[in-house]
Amino acid sequence: EFLAQDNEHGESLKYCFDKAAQSQNRVVHFAPESYEEIVGCLL
């Protein structure tokens, strides 16, 4: 239910899971500069 939320453009919060399923690759490792904002939000 939480991931079913979208915006006025129809963009989905499940995008990353859908891409993982399509490619059958389930692990992501981002470029180093991405981690400050992502992990900062996690904390």
PDB file of all heavy atoms in Angstrom:
ATOM      1  N   GLU A   1       0.830  -1.210   0.000  1.00  0.00           N
ATOM      2  CA  GLU A   1       0.000   0.000   0.000  1.00  0.00           C
ATOM      3  C   GLU A   1       0.864   1.259   0.000  1.00  0.00           C
ATOM      4  O   GLU A   1       0.567   2.234  -0.705  1.00  0.00           O
ATOM      5  CB  GLU A   1      -0.922   0.000   1.221  1.00  0.00           C
ATOM      6  CG  GLU A   1      -1.998  -1.073   1.212  1.00  0.00           C
ATOM      7  CD  GLU A   1      -1.469  -2.474   1.477  1.00  0.00           C
ATOM      8  OE1 GLU A   1      -0.355  -2.608   2.048  1.00  0.00           O
ATOM      9  OE2 GLU A   1      -2.151  -3.447   1.089  1.00  0.00           O
ATOM     10  N   PHE A   2       1.935   1.256   0.774  1.00  0.00           N
ATOM     11  CA  PHE A   2       2.822   2.429   0.820  1.00  0.00           C
ATOM     12  C   PHE A   2       3.480   2.651  -0.543  1.00  0.00           C
ATOM     13  O   PHE A   2       3.533   3.777  -1.045  1.00  0.00           O
ATOM     14  CB  PHE A   2       3.891   2.228   1.897  1.00  0.00           C
ATOM     15  CG  PHE A   2       4.886   3.357   1.963  1.00  0.00           C
ATOM     16  CD1 PHE A   2       4.536   4.584   2.514  1.00  0.00           C
ATOM     17  CD2 PHE A   2       6.171   3.200   1.467  1.00  0.00           C
ATOM     18  CE1 PHE A   2       5.450   5.629   2.575  1.00  0.00           C
ATOM     19  CE2 PHE A   2       7.092   4.235   1.518  1.00  0.00           C
ATOM     20  CZ  PHE A   2       6.729   5.457   2.075  1.00  0.00           C
ATOM     21  N   LEU A   3       3.967   1.586  -1.161  1.00  0.00           N
ATOM     22  CA  LEU A   3       4.655   1.714  -2.441  1.00  0.00           C
ATOM     23  C   LEU A   3       3.690   1.967  -3.601  1.00  0.00           C
ATOM     24  O   LEU A   3       4.127   2.338  -4.693  1.00  0.00           O
ATOM     25  CB  LEU A   3       5.489   0.459  -2.724  1.00  0.00           C
ATOM     26  CG  LEU A   3       6.703   0.262  -1.818  1.00  0.00           C
ATOM     27  CD1 LEU A   3       7.380  -1.067  -2.125  1.00  0.00           C
ATOM     28  CD2 LEU A   3       7.697   1.400  -1.951  1.00  0.00           C
ATOM     29  N   ALA A   4       2.398   1.760  -3.369  1.00  0.00           N
ATOM     30  CA  ALA A   4       1.413   1.992  -4.430  1.00  0.00           C
ATOM     31  C   ALA A   4       1.189   3.473  -4.695  1.00  0.00           C
ATOM     32  O   ALA A   4       0.562   3.843  -5.697  1.00  0.00           O
ATOM     33  CB  ALA A   4       0.089   1.324  -4.074  1.00  0.00           C
ATOM     34  N   GLN A   5       1.701   4.334  -3.813  1.00  0.00           N
ATOM     35  CA  GLN A   5       1.553   5.772  -4.016  1.00  0.00           C
ATOM     36  C   GLN A   5       2.310   6.206  -5.267  1.00  0.00           C
ATOM     37  O   GLN A   5       3.405   5.729  -5.546  1.00  0.00           O
ATOM     38  CB  GLN A   5       2.102   6.542  -2.812  1.00  0.00           C
ATOM     39  CG  GLN A   5       1.433   6.219  -1.501  1.00  0.00           C
ATOM     40  CD  GLN A   5       2.111   6.905  -0.331  1.00  0.00           C
ATOM     41  OE1 GLN A   5       1.793   8.045  -0.011  1.00  0.00           O
ATOM     42  NE2 GLN A   5       3.057   6.221   0.302  1.00  0.00           N
ATOM     43  N   ASP A   6       1.708   7.108  -6.026  1.00  0.00           N
ATOM     44  CA  ASP A   6       2.399   7.675  -7.178  1.00  0.00           C
ATOM     45  C   ASP A   6       2.107   9.175  -7.225  1.00  0.00           C
ATOM     46  O   ASP A   6       1.446   9.720  -6.350  1.00  0.00           O
ATOM     47  CB  ASP A   6       1.998   6.976  -8.487  1.00  0.00           C
ATOM     48  CG  ASP A   6       0.486   7.022  -8.737  1.00  0.00           C
ATOM     49  OD1 ASP A   6      -0.192   7.889  -8.131  1.00  0.00           O
ATOM     50  OD2 ASP A   6      -0.023   6.218  -9.526  1.00  0.00           O
ATOM     51  N   ASN A   7       2.621   9.836  -8.239  1.00  0.00           N
ATOM     52  CA  ASN A   7       2.397  11.280  -8.360  1.00  0.00           C
ATOM     53  C   ASN A   7       1.546  11.564  -9.589  1.00  0.00           C
ATOM     54  O   ASN A   7       1.051  10.645 -10.256  1.00  0.00           O
ATOM     55  CB  ASN A   7       3.737  12.027  -8.413  1.00  0.00           C
ATOM     56  CG  ASN A   7       4.579  11.601  -9.610  1.00  0.00           C
ATOM     57  OD1 ASN A   7       4.104  10.886 -10.505  1.00  0.00           O
ATOM     58  ND2 ASN A   7       5.825  12.030  -9.643  1.00  0.00           N
ATOM     59  N   GLU A   8       1.386  12.837  -9.917  1.00  0.00           N
ATOM     60  CA  GLU A   8       0.513  13.207 -11.037  1.00  0.00           C
ATOM     61  C   GLU A   8       1.049  12.724 -12.381  1.00  0.00           C
ATOM     62  O   GLU A   8       0.312  12.660 -13.364  1.00  0.00           O
ATOM     63  CB  GLU A   8       0.332  14.727 -11.068  1.00  0.00           C
ATOM     64  CG  GLU A   8       1.634  15.501 -11.240  1.00  0.00           C
ATOM     65  CD  GLU A   8       1.427  16.998 -11.167  1.00  0.00           C
ATOM     66  OE1 GLU A   8       0.317  17.431 -10.790  1.00  0.00           O
ATOM     67  OE2 GLU A   8       2.369  17.740 -11.492  1.00  0.00           O
ATOM     68  N   HIS A   9       2.323  12.363 -12.420  1.00  0.00           N
ATOM     69  CA  HIS A   9       2.916  11.841 -13.658  1.00  0.00           C
ATOM     70  C   HIS A   9       2.860  10.313 -13.732  1.00  0.00           C
ATOM     71  O   HIS A   9       3.325   9.730 -14.706  1.00  0.00           O
ATOM     72  CB  HIS A   9       4.374  12.293 -13.777  1.00  0.00           C
ATOM     73  CG  HIS A   9       4.556  13.780 -13.698  1.00  0.00           C
ATOM     74  ND1 HIS A   9       4.048  14.644 -14.649  1.00  0.00           N
ATOM     75  CD2 HIS A   9       5.177  14.552 -12.775  1.00  0.00           C
ATOM     76  CE1 HIS A   9       4.358  15.892 -14.316  1.00  0.00           C
ATOM     77  NE2 HIS A   9       5.035  15.861 -13.184  1.00  0.00           N
ATOM     78  N   GLY A  10       2.315   9.693 -12.692  1.00  0.00           N
ATOM     79  CA  GLY A  10       2.214   8.239 -12.678  1.00  0.00           C
ATOM     80  C   GLY A  10       3.522   7.532 -12.358  1.00  0.00           C
ATOM     81  O   GLY A  10       3.643   6.324 -12.592  1.00  0.00           O
ATOM     82  N   GLU A  11       4.494   8.259 -11.816  1.00  0.00           N
ATOM     83  CA  GLU A  11       5.770   7.648 -11.459  1.00  0.00           C
ATOM     84  C   GLU A  11       5.602   6.825 -10.182  1.00  0.00           C
ATOM     85  O   GLU A  11       4.937   7.249  -9.239  1.00  0.00           O
ATOM     86  CB  GLU A  11       6.837   8.736 -11.268  1.00  0.00           C
ATOM     87  CG  GLU A  11       7.135   9.479 -12.559  1.00  0.00           C
ATOM     88  CD  GLU A  11       7.908  10.764 -12.318  1.00  0.00           C
ATOM     89  OE1 GLU A  11       7.658  11.438 -11.290  1.00  0.00           O
ATOM     90  OE2 GLU A  11       8.758  11.113 -13.170  1.00  0.00           O
ATOM     91  N   SER A  12       6.221   5.642 -10.153  1.00  0.00           N
ATOM     92  CA  SER A  12       5.967   4.676  -9.093  1.00  0.00           C
ATOM     93  C   SER A  12       7.126   4.584  -8.111  1.00  0.00           C
ATOM     94  O   SER A  12       8.291   4.591  -8.508  1.00  0.00           O
ATOM     95  CB  SER A  12       5.728   3.290  -9.702  1.00  0.00           C
ATOM     96  OG  SER A  12       5.681   2.290  -8.706  1.00  0.00           O
ATOM     97  N   LEU A  13       6.780   4.458  -6.822  1.00  0.00           N
ATOM     98  CA  LEU A  13       7.808   4.214  -5.805  1.00  0.00           C
ATOM     99  C   LEU A  13       8.399   2.819  -5.930  1.00  0.00           C
ATOM    100  O   LEU A  13       9.459   2.535  -5.374  1.00  0.00           O
ATOM    101  CB  LEU A  13       7.217   4.387  -4.406  1.00  0.00           C
ATOM    102  CG  LEU A  13       6.853   5.808  -3.960  1.00  0.00           C
ATOM    103  CD1 LEU A  13       6.196   5.772  -2.584  1.00  0.00           C
ATOM    104  CD2 LEU A  13       8.088   6.699  -3.922  1.00  0.00           C
ATOM    105  N   LYS A  14       7.727   1.927  -6.668  1.00  0.00           N
ATOM    106  CA  LYS A  14       8.228   0.568  -6.860  1.00  0.00           C
ATOM    107  C   LYS A  14       9.196   0.459  -8.036  1.00  0.00           C
ATOM    108  O   LYS A  14       9.583  -0.651  -8.404  1.00  0.00           O
ATOM    109  CB  LYS A  14       7.058  -0.395  -7.095  1.00  0.00           C
ATOM    110  CG  LYS A  14       6.240  -0.678  -5.858  1.00  0.00           C
ATOM    111  CD  LYS A  14       5.437  -1.953  -5.978  1.00  0.00           C
ATOM    112  CE  LYS A  14       4.418  -1.900  -7.076  1.00  0.00           C
ATOM    113  NZ  LYS A  14       3.574  -3.104  -7.123  1.00  0.00           N
ATOM    114  N   TYR A  15       9.576   1.582  -8.607  1.00  0.00           N
ATOM    115  CA  TYR A  15      10.419   1.561  -9.811  1.00  0.00           C
ATOM    116  C   TYR A  15      11.652   0.674  -9.619  1.00  0.00           C
ATOM    117  O   TYR A  15      11.961  -0.164 -10.474  1.00  0.00           O
ATOM    118  CB  TYR A  15      10.850   2.981 -10.174  1.00  0.00           C
ATOM    119  CG  TYR A  15      11.740   3.042 -11.393  1.00  0.00           C
ATOM    120  CD1 TYR A  15      11.193   3.112 -12.677  1.00  0.00           C
ATOM    121  CD2 TYR A  15      13.127   3.017 -11.277  1.00  0.00           C
ATOM    122  CE1 TYR A  15      12.013   3.160 -13.796  1.00  0.00           C
ATOM    123  CE2 TYR A  15      13.945   3.054 -12.390  1.00  0.00           C
ATOM    124  CZ  TYR A  15      13.386   3.127 -13.645  1.00  0.00           C
ATOM    125  OH  TYR A  15      14.207   3.162 -14.755  1.00  0.00           O
ATOM    126  N   CYS A  16      12.363   0.838  -8.505  1.00  0.00           N
ATOM    127  CA  CYS A  16      13.602   0.079  -8.297  1.00  0.00           C
ATOM    128  C   CYS A  16      13.329  -1.421  -8.211  1.00  0.00           C
ATOM    129  O   CYS A  16      14.107  -2.232  -8.742  1.00  0.00           O
ATOM    130  CB  CYS A  16      14.327   0.570  -7.047  1.00  0.00           C
ATOM    131  SG  CYS A  16      13.337   0.539  -5.532  1.00  0.00           S
ATOM    132  N   PHE A  17      12.225  -1.808  -7.559  1.00  0.00           N
ATOM    133  CA  PHE A  17      11.888  -3.227  -7.471  1.00  0.00           C
ATOM    134  C   PHE A  17      11.490  -3.786  -8.836  1.00  0.00           C
ATOM    135  O   PHE A  17      11.826  -4.929  -9.167  1.00  0.00           O
ATOM    136  CB  PHE A  17      10.754  -3.430  -6.468  1.00  0.00           C
ATOM    137  CG  PHE A  17      11.131  -3.146  -5.044  1.00  0.00           C
ATOM    138  CD1 PHE A  17      10.757  -1.957  -4.433  1.00  0.00           C
ATOM    139  CD2 PHE A  17      11.869  -4.057  -4.315  1.00  0.00           C
ATOM    140  CE1 PHE A  17      11.105  -1.697  -3.121  1.00  0.00           C
ATOM    141  CE2 PHE A  17      12.224  -3.800  -2.993  1.00  0.00           C
ATOM    142  CZ  PHE A  17      11.848  -2.615  -2.397  1.00  0.00           C
ATOM    143  N   ASP A  18      10.769  -2.994  -9.617  1.00  0.00           N
ATOM    144  CA  ASP A  18      10.385  -3.436 -10.954  1.00  0.00           C
ATOM    145  C   ASP A  18      11.611  -3.639 -11.841  1.00  0.00           C
ATOM    146  O   ASP A  18      11.694  -4.617 -12.600  1.00  0.00           O
ATOM    147  CB  ASP A  18       9.444  -2.414 -11.598  1.00  0.00           C
ATOM    148  CG  ASP A  18       8.084  -2.347 -10.914  1.00  0.00           C
ATOM    149  OD1 ASP A  18       7.731  -3.315 -10.212  1.00  0.00           O
ATOM    150  OD2 ASP A  18       7.388  -1.328 -11.067  1.00  0.00           O
ATOM    151  N   LYS A  19      12.577  -2.725 -11.751  1.00  0.00           N
ATOM    152  CA  LYS A  19      13.805  -2.860 -12.541  1.00  0.00           C
ATOM    153  C   LYS A  19      14.601  -4.083 -12.106  1.00  0.00           C
ATOM    154  O   LYS A  19      15.167  -4.801 -12.935  1.00  0.00           O
ATOM    155  CB  LYS A  19      14.668  -1.599 -12.405  1.00  0.00           C
ATOM    156  CG  LYS A  19      14.064  -0.353 -13.009  1.00  0.00           C
ATOM    157  CD  LYS A  19      13.849  -0.476 -14.515  1.00  0.00           C
ATOM    158  CE  LYS A  19      15.155  -0.482 -15.291  1.00  0.00           C
ATOM    159  NZ  LYS A  19      14.920  -0.499 -16.748  1.00  0.00           N
ATOM    160  N   ALA A  20      14.650  -4.332 -10.807  1.00  0.00           N
ATOM    161  CA  ALA A  20      15.356  -5.506 -10.299  1.00  0.00           C
ATOM    162  C   ALA A  20      14.717  -6.792 -10.819  1.00  0.00           C
ATOM    163  O   ALA A  20      15.411  -7.738 -11.211  1.00  0.00           O
ATOM    164  CB  ALA A  20      15.361  -5.497  -8.774  1.00  0.00           C
ATOM    165  N   ALA A  21      13.385  -6.825 -10.837  1.00  0.00           N
ATOM    166  CA  ALA A  21      12.684  -8.012 -11.325  1.00  0.00           C
ATOM    167  C   ALA A  21      12.893  -8.197 -12.829  1.00  0.00           C
ATOM    168  O   ALA A  21      13.109  -9.318 -13.300  1.00  0.00           O
ATOM    169  CB  ALA A  21      11.190  -7.896 -11.008  1.00  0.00           C
ATOM    170  N   GLN A  22      12.841  -7.113 -13.578  1.00  0.00           N
ATOM    171  CA  GLN A  22      13.009  -7.197 -15.031  1.00  0.00           C
ATOM    172  C   GLN A  22      14.400  -7.690 -15.415  1.00  0.00           C
ATOM    173  O   GLN A  22      14.560  -8.499 -16.326  1.00  0.00           O
ATOM    174  CB  GLN A  22      12.745  -5.829 -15.670  1.00  0.00           C
ATOM    175  CG  GLN A  22      11.299  -5.401 -15.638  1.00  0.00           C
ATOM    176  CD  GLN A  22      11.119  -3.929 -15.951  1.00  0.00           C
ATOM    177  OE1 GLN A  22      12.038  -3.249 -16.430  1.00  0.00           O
ATOM    178  NE2 GLN A  22       9.934  -3.397 -15.683  1.00  0.00           N
ATOM    179  N   SER A  23      15.404  -7.205 -14.711  1.00  0.00           N
ATOM    180  CA  SER A  23      16.786  -7.576 -15.038  1.00  0.00           C
ATOM    181  C   SER A  23      17.222  -8.854 -14.332  1.00  0.00           C
ATOM    182  O   SER A  23      18.260  -9.428 -14.667  1.00  0.00           O
ATOM    183  CB  SER A  23      17.742  -6.447 -14.643  1.00  0.00           C
ATOM    184  OG  SER A  23      17.762  -6.264 -13.233  1.00  0.00           O
ATOM    185  N   GLN A  24      16.432  -9.302 -13.344  1.00  0.00           N
ATOM    186  CA  GLN A  24      16.782 -10.430 -12.488  1.00  0.00           C
ATOM    187  C   GLN A  24      18.120 -10.207 -11.795  1.00  0.00           C
ATOM    188  O   GLN A  24      18.865 -11.150 -11.522  1.00  0.00           O
ATOM    189  CB  GLN A  24      16.781 -11.748 -13.279  1.00  0.00           C
ATOM    190  CG  GLN A  24      15.412 -12.145 -13.772  1.00  0.00           C
ATOM    191  CD  GLN A  24      15.348 -13.568 -14.286  1.00  0.00           C
ATOM    192  OE1 GLN A  24      16.164 -14.408 -13.966  1.00  0.00           O
ATOM    193  NE2 GLN A  24      14.350 -13.846 -15.101  1.00  0.00           N
ATOM    194  N   ASN A  25      18.423  -8.951 -11.497  1.00  0.00           N
ATOM    195  CA  ASN A  25      19.587  -8.575 -10.697  1.00  0.00           C
ATOM    196  C   ASN A  25      19.071  -7.797  -9.495  1.00  0.00           C
ATOM    197  O   ASN A  25      18.437  -6.763  -9.656  1.00  0.00           O
ATOM    198  CB  ASN A  25      20.562  -7.731 -11.515  1.00  0.00           C
ATOM    199  CG  ASN A  25      21.164  -8.508 -12.666  1.00  0.00           C
ATOM    200  OD1 ASN A  25      21.655  -9.610 -12.491  1.00  0.00           O
ATOM    201  ND2 ASN A  25      21.106  -7.949 -13.861  1.00  0.00           N
ATOM    202  N   ARG A  26      19.354  -8.292  -8.300  1.00  0.00           N
ATOM    203  CA  ARG A  26      18.684  -7.778  -7.096  1.00  0.00           C
ATOM    204  C   ARG A  26      19.582  -6.960  -6.178  1.00  0.00           C
ATOM    205  O   ARG A  26      19.143  -6.558  -5.103  1.00  0.00           O
ATOM    206  CB  ARG A  26      18.119  -8.956  -6.296  1.00  0.00           C
ATOM    207  CG  ARG A  26      17.383 -10.002  -7.120  1.00  0.00           C
ATOM    208  CD  ARG A  26      16.021  -9.575  -7.545  1.00  0.00           C
ATOM    209  NE  ARG A  26      15.356 -10.600  -8.358  1.00  0.00           N
ATOM    210  CZ  ARG A  26      14.049 -10.683  -8.543  1.00  0.00           C
ATOM    211  NH1 ARG A  26      13.255  -9.804  -7.972  1.00  0.00           N
ATOM    212  NH2 ARG A  26      13.545 -11.613  -9.312  1.00  0.00           N
ATOM    213  N   VAL A  27      20.823  -6.716  -6.571  1.00  0.00           N
ATOM    214  CA  VAL A  27      21.744  -5.960  -5.723  1.00  0.00           C
ATOM    215  C   VAL A  27      22.220  -4.718  -6.469  1.00  0.00           C
ATOM    216  O   VAL A  27      22.547  -4.780  -7.659  1.00  0.00           O
ATOM    217  CB  VAL A  27      22.950  -6.825  -5.299  1.00  0.00           C
ATOM    218  CG1 VAL A  27      23.966  -6.001  -4.504  1.00  0.00           C
ATOM    219  CG2 VAL A  27      22.475  -8.014  -4.461  1.00  0.00           C
ATOM    220  N   VAL A  28      22.248  -3.592  -5.750  1.00  0.00           N
ATOM    221  CA  VAL A  28      22.644  -2.312  -6.326  1.00  0.00           C
ATOM    222  C   VAL A  28      23.830  -1.757  -5.536  1.00  0.00           C
ATOM    223  O   VAL A  28      23.853  -1.814  -4.306  1.00  0.00           O
ATOM    224  CB  VAL A  28      21.475  -1.300  -6.266  1.00  0.00           C
ATOM    225  CG1 VAL A  28      21.918   0.069  -6.766  1.00  0.00           C
ATOM    226  CG2 VAL A  28      20.294  -1.800  -7.074  1.00  0.00           C
ATOM    227  N   HIS A  29      24.818  -1.224  -6.273  1.00  0.00           N
ATOM    228  CA  HIS A  29      25.953  -0.544  -5.639  1.00  0.00           C
ATOM    229  C   HIS A  29      26.156   0.777  -6.374  1.00  0.00           C
ATOM    230  O   HIS A  29      26.620   0.805  -7.512  1.00  0.00           O
ATOM    231  CB  HIS A  29      27.219  -1.405  -5.721  1.00  0.00           C
ATOM    232  CG  HIS A  29      28.317  -0.922  -4.828  1.00  0.00           C
ATOM    233  ND1 HIS A  29      28.581  -1.482  -3.598  1.00  0.00           N
ATOM    234  CD2 HIS A  29      29.198   0.094  -4.967  1.00  0.00           C
ATOM    235  CE1 HIS A  29      29.588  -0.856  -3.029  1.00  0.00           C
ATOM    236  NE2 HIS A  29      29.981   0.114  -3.840  1.00  0.00           N
ATOM    237  N   PHE A  30      25.789   1.873  -5.711  1.00  0.00           N
ATOM    238  CA  PHE A  30      25.807   3.184  -6.351  1.00  0.00           C
ATOM    239  C   PHE A  30      27.218   3.779  -6.379  1.00  0.00           C
ATOM    240  O   PHE A  30      28.126   3.329  -5.669  1.00  0.00           O
ATOM    241  CB  PHE A  30      24.881   4.146  -5.606  1.00  0.00           C
ATOM    242  CG  PHE A  30      23.423   3.776  -5.674  1.00  0.00           C
ATOM    243  CD1 PHE A  30      22.701   3.487  -4.524  1.00  0.00           C
ATOM    244  CD2 PHE A  30      22.767   3.718  -6.897  1.00  0.00           C
ATOM    245  CE1 PHE A  30      21.356   3.162  -4.578  1.00  0.00           C
ATOM    246  CE2 PHE A  30      21.411   3.388  -6.967  1.00  0.00           C
ATOM    247  CZ  PHE A  30      20.710   3.106  -5.806  1.00  0.00           C
ATOM    248  N   ALA A  31      27.381   4.824  -7.180  1.00  0.00           N
ATOM    249  CA  ALA A  31      28.618   5.598  -7.188  1.00  0.00           C
ATOM    250  C   ALA A  31      28.818   6.241  -5.819  1.00  0.00           C
ATOM    251  O   ALA A  31      27.835   6.591  -5.141  1.00  0.00           O
ATOM    252  CB  ALA A  31      28.558   6.665  -8.276  1.00  0.00           C
ATOM    253  N   PRO A  32      30.075   6.424  -5.385  1.00  0.00           N
ATOM    254  CA  PRO A  32      30.344   6.926  -4.025  1.00  0.00           C
ATOM    255  C   PRO A  32      29.624   8.226  -3.676  1.00  0.00           C
ATOM    256  O   PRO A  32      29.162   8.406  -2.541  1.00  0.00           O
ATOM    257  CB  PRO A  32      31.863   7.121  -4.017  1.00  0.00           C
ATOM    258  CG  PRO A  32      32.361   6.145  -5.030  1.00  0.00           C
ATOM    259  CD  PRO A  32      31.315   6.100  -6.106  1.00  0.00           C
ATOM    260  N   GLU A  33      29.495   9.136  -4.650  1.00  0.00           N
ATOM    261  CA  GLU A  33      28.890  10.432  -4.351  1.00  0.00           C
ATOM    262  C   GLU A  33      27.400  10.338  -4.037  1.00  0.00           C
ATOM    263  O   GLU A  33      26.807  11.300  -3.537  1.00  0.00           O
ATOM    264  CB  GLU A  33      29.117  11.410  -5.513  1.00  0.00           C
ATOM    265  CG  GLU A  33      28.563  10.952  -6.852  1.00  0.00           C
ATOM    266  CD  GLU A  33      29.539  10.144  -7.682  1.00  0.00           C
ATOM    267  OE1 GLU A  33      30.534   9.631  -7.114  1.00  0.00           O
ATOM    268  OE2 GLU A  33      29.318  10.038  -8.902  1.00  0.00           O
ATOM    269  N   SER A  34      26.779   9.205  -4.315  1.00  0.00           N
ATOM    270  CA  SER A  34      25.341   9.052  -4.061  1.00  0.00           C
ATOM    271  C   SER A  34      25.028   8.751  -2.602  1.00  0.00           C
ATOM    272  O   SER A  34      23.908   8.980  -2.135  1.00  0.00           O
ATOM    273  CB  SER A  34      24.766   7.926  -4.926  1.00  0.00           C
ATOM    274  OG  SER A  34      24.994   8.165  -6.301  1.00  0.00           O
ATOM    275  N   TYR A  35      26.000   8.239  -1.880  1.00  0.00           N
ATOM    276  CA  TYR A  35      25.712   7.688  -0.562  1.00  0.00           C
ATOM    277  C   TYR A  35      25.456   8.743   0.504  1.00  0.00           C
ATOM    278  O   TYR A  35      24.753   8.487   1.474  1.00  0.00           O
ATOM    279  CB  TYR A  35      26.833   6.732  -0.134  1.00  0.00           C
ATOM    280  CG  TYR A  35      26.721   5.403  -0.840  1.00  0.00           C
ATOM    281  CD1 TYR A  35      27.278   5.212  -2.097  1.00  0.00           C
ATOM    282  CD2 TYR A  35      26.005   4.351  -0.283  1.00  0.00           C
ATOM    283  CE1 TYR A  35      27.154   4.009  -2.764  1.00  0.00           C
ATOM    284  CE2 TYR A  35      25.871   3.145  -0.938  1.00  0.00           C
ATOM    285  CZ  TYR A  35      26.443   2.973  -2.179  1.00  0.00           C
ATOM    286  OH  TYR A  35      26.298   1.785  -2.842  1.00  0.00           O
ATOM    287  N   GLU A  36      26.002   9.921   0.343  1.00  0.00           N
ATOM    288  CA  GLU A  36      25.821  10.939   1.378  1.00  0.00           C
ATOM    289  C   GLU A  36      24.344  11.246   1.595  1.00  0.00           C
ATOM    290  O   GLU A  36      23.859  11.251   2.731  1.00  0.00           O
ATOM    291  CB  GLU A  36      26.577  12.215   1.020  1.00  0.00           C
ATOM    292  CG  GLU A  36      26.464  13.287   2.105  1.00  0.00           C
ATOM    293  CD  GLU A  36      27.301  14.522   1.815  1.00  0.00           C
ATOM    294  OE1 GLU A  36      28.051  14.516   0.812  1.00  0.00           O
ATOM    295  OE2 GLU A  36      27.199  15.486   2.585  1.00  0.00           O
ATOM    296  N   GLU A  37      23.601  11.469   0.509  1.00  0.00           N
ATOM    297  CA  GLU A  37      22.191  11.806   0.691  1.00  0.00           C
ATOM    298  C   GLU A  37      21.340  10.575   0.993  1.00  0.00           C
ATOM    299  O   GLU A  37      20.410  10.644   1.806  1.00  0.00           O
ATOM    300  CB  GLU A  37      21.644  12.550  -0.534  1.00  0.00           C
ATOM    301  CG  GLU A  37      21.648  11.782  -1.833  1.00  0.00           C
ATOM    302  CD  GLU A  37      20.985  12.575  -2.956  1.00  0.00           C
ATOM    303  OE1 GLU A  37      20.579  13.718  -2.711  1.00  0.00           O
ATOM    304  OE2 GLU A  37      20.869  12.037  -4.089  1.00  0.00           O
ATOM    305  N   ILE A  38      21.646   9.425   0.364  1.00  0.00           N
ATOM    306  CA  ILE A  38      20.834   8.225   0.598  1.00  0.00           C
ATOM    307  C   ILE A  38      21.018   7.711   2.020  1.00  0.00           C
ATOM    308  O   ILE A  38      20.050   7.472   2.756  1.00  0.00           O
ATOM    309  CB  ILE A  38      21.185   7.121  -0.423  1.00  0.00           C
ATOM    310  CG1 ILE A  38      20.787   7.543  -1.833  1.00  0.00           C
ATOM    311  CG2 ILE A  38      20.471   5.814  -0.054  1.00  0.00           C
ATOM    312  CD1 ILE A  38      21.187   6.546  -2.903  1.00  0.00           C
ATOM    313  N   VAL A  39      22.265   7.544   2.441  1.00  0.00           N
ATOM    314  CA  VAL A  39      22.525   7.031   3.787  1.00  0.00           C
ATOM    315  C   VAL A  39      22.172   8.088   4.833  1.00  0.00           C
ATOM    316  O   VAL A  39      21.701   7.753   5.922  1.00  0.00           O
ATOM    317  CB  VAL A  39      23.986   6.573   3.917  1.00  0.00           C
ATOM    318  CG1 VAL A  39      24.284   6.116   5.343  1.00  0.00           C
ATOM    319  CG2 VAL A  39      24.266   5.427   2.943  1.00  0.00           C
ATOM    320  N   GLY A  40      22.368   9.359   4.505  1.00  0.00           N
ATOM    321  CA  GLY A  40      21.947  10.416   5.419  1.00  0.00           C
ATOM    322  C   GLY A  40      20.463  10.339   5.702  1.00  0.00           C
ATOM    323  O   GLY A  40      20.021  10.493   6.854  1.00  0.00           O
ATOM    324  N   CYS A  41      19.677  10.076   4.674  1.00  0.00           N
ATOM    325  CA  CYS A  41      18.228   9.920   4.853  1.00  0.00           C
ATOM    326  C   CYS A  41      17.922   8.663   5.662  1.00  0.00           C
ATOM    327  O   CYS A  41      17.029   8.662   6.526  1.00  0.00           O
ATOM    328  CB  CYS A  41      17.548   9.857   3.488  1.00  0.00           C
ATOM    329  SG  CYS A  41      15.753   9.879   3.560  1.00  0.00           S
ATOM    330  N   LEU A  42      18.666   7.599   5.423  1.00  0.00           N
ATOM    331  CA  LEU A  42      18.495   6.360   6.176  1.00  0.00           C
ATOM    332  C   LEU A  42      18.724   6.585   7.668  1.00  0.00           C
ATOM    333  O   LEU A  42      17.952   6.114   8.523  1.00  0.00           O
ATOM    334  CB  LEU A  42      19.480   5.316   5.642  1.00  0.00           C
ATOM    335  CG  LEU A  42      19.342   3.877   6.110  1.00  0.00           C
ATOM    336  CD1 LEU A  42      18.049   3.276   5.591  1.00  0.00           C
ATOM    337  CD2 LEU A  42      20.527   3.064   5.621  1.00  0.00           C
ATOM    338  N   LEU A  43      19.757   7.346   8.012  1.00  0.00           N
ATOM    339  CA  LEU A  43      20.054   7.642   9.412  1.00  0.00           C
ATOM    340  C   LEU A  43      18.968   8.519  10.044  1.00  0.00           C
ATOM    341  O   LEU A  43      18.637   8.361  11.225  1.00  0.00           O
ATOM    342  CB  LEU A  43      21.416   8.320   9.525  1.00  0.00           C
ATOM    343  CG  LEU A  43      22.626   7.471   9.110  1.00  0.00           C
ATOM    344  CD1 LEU A  43      23.897   8.295   9.177  1.00  0.00           C
ATOM    345  CD2 LEU A  43      22.741   6.233   9.979  1.00  0.00           C
TER     346      LEU A  43
END
